[in-house]
């Protein structure tokens, strides 16, 4: 089984850019993250890129003077790993209390409720 690296909240932002447009140059990633005065600094982004490469979440190749980054893990794999970690840490691995918490604490539209019912009914099959 493939080991999925633990990705911090800030690293997720970098990964989202790469997942959306891989392969990406560092300049492209910096451009997306620094757009609209978001508080990102180019050196910080490069630090996160290096961390993600060390964690084996990103791979890269040199293309002339630029580095092209590509994900080594899918967004789906990272979501699954983060979800399992969250479920275990916060709800002791039990799905029912987690689902109950979100259903009771969040405002749900009729469409949301219908979708949840459909998901559960389809799961029974």
Protein backbone atom coordinates (compact mmCIF):
# COMPACT_ATOMS: atom_id res chain seq x y z
CA UNK A 1 0.00 0.00 0.00
CA UNK A 2 1.25 3.47 -0.94
CA UNK A 3 2.22 5.68 2.02
CA UNK A 4 0.41 9.00 1.82
CA UNK A 5 2.35 11.89 3.37
CA UNK A 6 0.77 14.09 6.04
CA UNK A 7 0.13 17.45 4.47
CA UNK A 8 -0.35 20.60 6.54
CA UNK A 9 -3.22 23.00 5.95
CA UNK A 10 -0.93 25.44 4.16
CA UNK A 11 0.65 22.69 2.07
CA UNK A 12 -2.86 21.77 0.92
CA UNK A 13 -3.13 25.18 -0.73
CA UNK A 14 0.04 24.55 -2.71
CA UNK A 15 -1.09 21.03 -3.63
CA UNK A 16 -4.48 22.32 -4.87
CA UNK A 17 -2.70 24.51 -7.40
CA UNK A 18 -0.57 21.60 -8.63
CA UNK A 19 -3.52 19.17 -8.73
CA UNK A 20 -5.48 21.70 -10.80
CA UNK A 21 -2.82 22.27 -13.43
CA UNK A 22 0.05 19.80 -13.33
CA UNK A 23 2.70 20.01 -14.44
CA UNK A 24 3.23 23.50 -13.01
CA UNK A 25 6.27 25.70 -12.86
CA UNK A 26 7.20 27.28 -9.54
CA UNK A 27 6.42 30.64 -11.13
CA UNK A 28 2.89 29.52 -12.03
CA UNK A 29 2.28 28.23 -8.50
CA UNK A 30 3.63 31.47 -7.04
CA UNK A 31 1.47 33.50 -9.42
CA UNK A 32 -1.72 31.69 -8.43
CA UNK A 33 -1.03 31.84 -4.70
CA UNK A 34 0.10 35.47 -4.62
CA UNK A 35 -2.82 36.70 -6.75
CA UNK A 36 -5.29 39.04 -5.04
CA UNK A 37 -2.85 40.00 -2.28
CA UNK A 38 -3.40 36.79 -0.33
CA UNK A 39 -0.41 37.28 1.97
CA UNK A 40 1.73 34.60 0.32
CA UNK A 41 5.40 35.38 -0.24
CA UNK A 42 7.34 33.73 -3.10
CA UNK A 43 10.13 32.48 -0.80
CA UNK A 44 7.54 30.89 1.50
CA UNK A 45 5.94 29.11 -1.45
CA UNK A 46 9.33 27.78 -2.56
CA UNK A 47 9.92 26.51 0.98
CA UNK A 48 6.59 24.65 0.86
CA UNK A 49 7.43 23.22 -2.57
CA UNK A 50 10.71 21.87 -1.17
CA UNK A 51 8.91 20.38 1.85
CA UNK A 52 6.35 18.70 -0.38
CA UNK A 53 9.14 17.25 -2.53
CA UNK A 54 10.90 15.92 0.62
CA UNK A 55 7.59 14.41 1.79
CA UNK A 56 7.22 12.77 -1.63
CA UNK A 57 3.90 14.53 -2.25
CA UNK A 58 5.43 16.33 -5.26
CA UNK A 59 7.95 15.34 -7.85
CA UNK A 60 9.76 17.67 -10.19
CA UNK A 61 11.93 17.81 -13.26
CA UNK A 62 14.08 20.56 -14.60
CA UNK A 63 12.90 22.06 -17.87
CA UNK A 64 15.53 24.55 -18.99
CA UNK A 65 15.76 27.06 -16.17
CA UNK A 66 12.35 26.18 -14.75
CA UNK A 67 11.25 23.38 -12.45
CA UNK A 68 8.06 21.55 -13.37
CA UNK A 69 6.19 20.13 -10.38
CA UNK A 70 3.75 17.25 -10.53
CA UNK A 71 1.80 15.47 -7.79
CA UNK A 72 3.03 12.06 -6.67
CA UNK A 73 -0.20 11.52 -4.74
CA UNK A 74 -3.73 12.21 -5.89
CA UNK A 75 -6.10 14.61 -4.20
CA UNK A 76 -8.42 11.68 -3.57
CA UNK A 77 -5.66 9.74 -1.77
CA UNK A 78 -4.84 12.75 0.41
CA UNK A 79 -8.50 13.40 1.23
CA UNK A 80 -8.94 9.75 2.22
CA UNK A 81 -5.83 9.79 4.45
CA UNK A 82 -6.75 13.11 6.09
CA UNK A 83 -10.33 11.92 6.63
CA UNK A 84 -9.17 8.72 8.33
CA UNK A 85 -6.79 10.68 10.56
CA UNK A 86 -9.53 13.16 11.49
CA UNK A 87 -12.09 10.42 12.09
CA UNK A 88 -9.71 8.52 14.34
CA UNK A 89 -8.43 11.53 16.26
CA UNK A 90 -11.74 13.33 16.84
CA UNK A 91 -14.37 10.57 16.79
CA UNK A 92 -12.40 7.48 17.80
CA UNK A 93 -12.81 6.05 14.31
CA UNK A 94 -16.62 5.89 14.56
CA UNK A 95 -18.56 7.28 11.62
CA UNK A 96 -22.00 7.52 13.26
CA UNK A 97 -21.03 10.16 15.87
CA UNK A 98 -19.16 12.14 13.22
CA UNK A 99 -22.11 12.15 10.85
CA UNK A 100 -24.51 12.94 13.71
CA UNK A 101 -22.33 15.87 14.77
CA UNK A 102 -22.30 17.45 11.32
CA UNK A 103 -25.99 16.79 10.65
CA UNK A 104 -26.96 18.34 13.99
CA UNK A 105 -24.55 21.29 13.90
CA UNK A 106 -24.79 22.42 10.27
CA UNK A 107 -27.68 23.96 8.41
CA UNK A 108 -28.79 21.51 5.72
CA UNK A 109 -30.98 22.32 2.76
CA UNK A 110 -33.67 19.93 1.57
CA UNK A 111 -31.32 19.05 -1.29
CA UNK A 112 -28.48 18.27 1.11
CA UNK A 113 -30.75 15.98 3.13
CA UNK A 114 -31.95 14.23 -0.01
CA UNK A 115 -28.35 13.68 -1.16
CA UNK A 116 -27.35 12.28 2.22
CA UNK A 117 -30.33 9.91 2.22
CA UNK A 118 -29.45 8.76 -1.30
CA UNK A 119 -25.82 8.15 -0.29
CA UNK A 120 -26.87 6.05 2.68
CA UNK A 121 -29.47 4.11 0.71
CA UNK A 122 -26.98 3.37 -2.06
CA UNK A 123 -24.44 2.25 0.54
CA UNK A 124 -26.90 -0.41 1.78
CA UNK A 125 -26.98 -2.07 -1.63
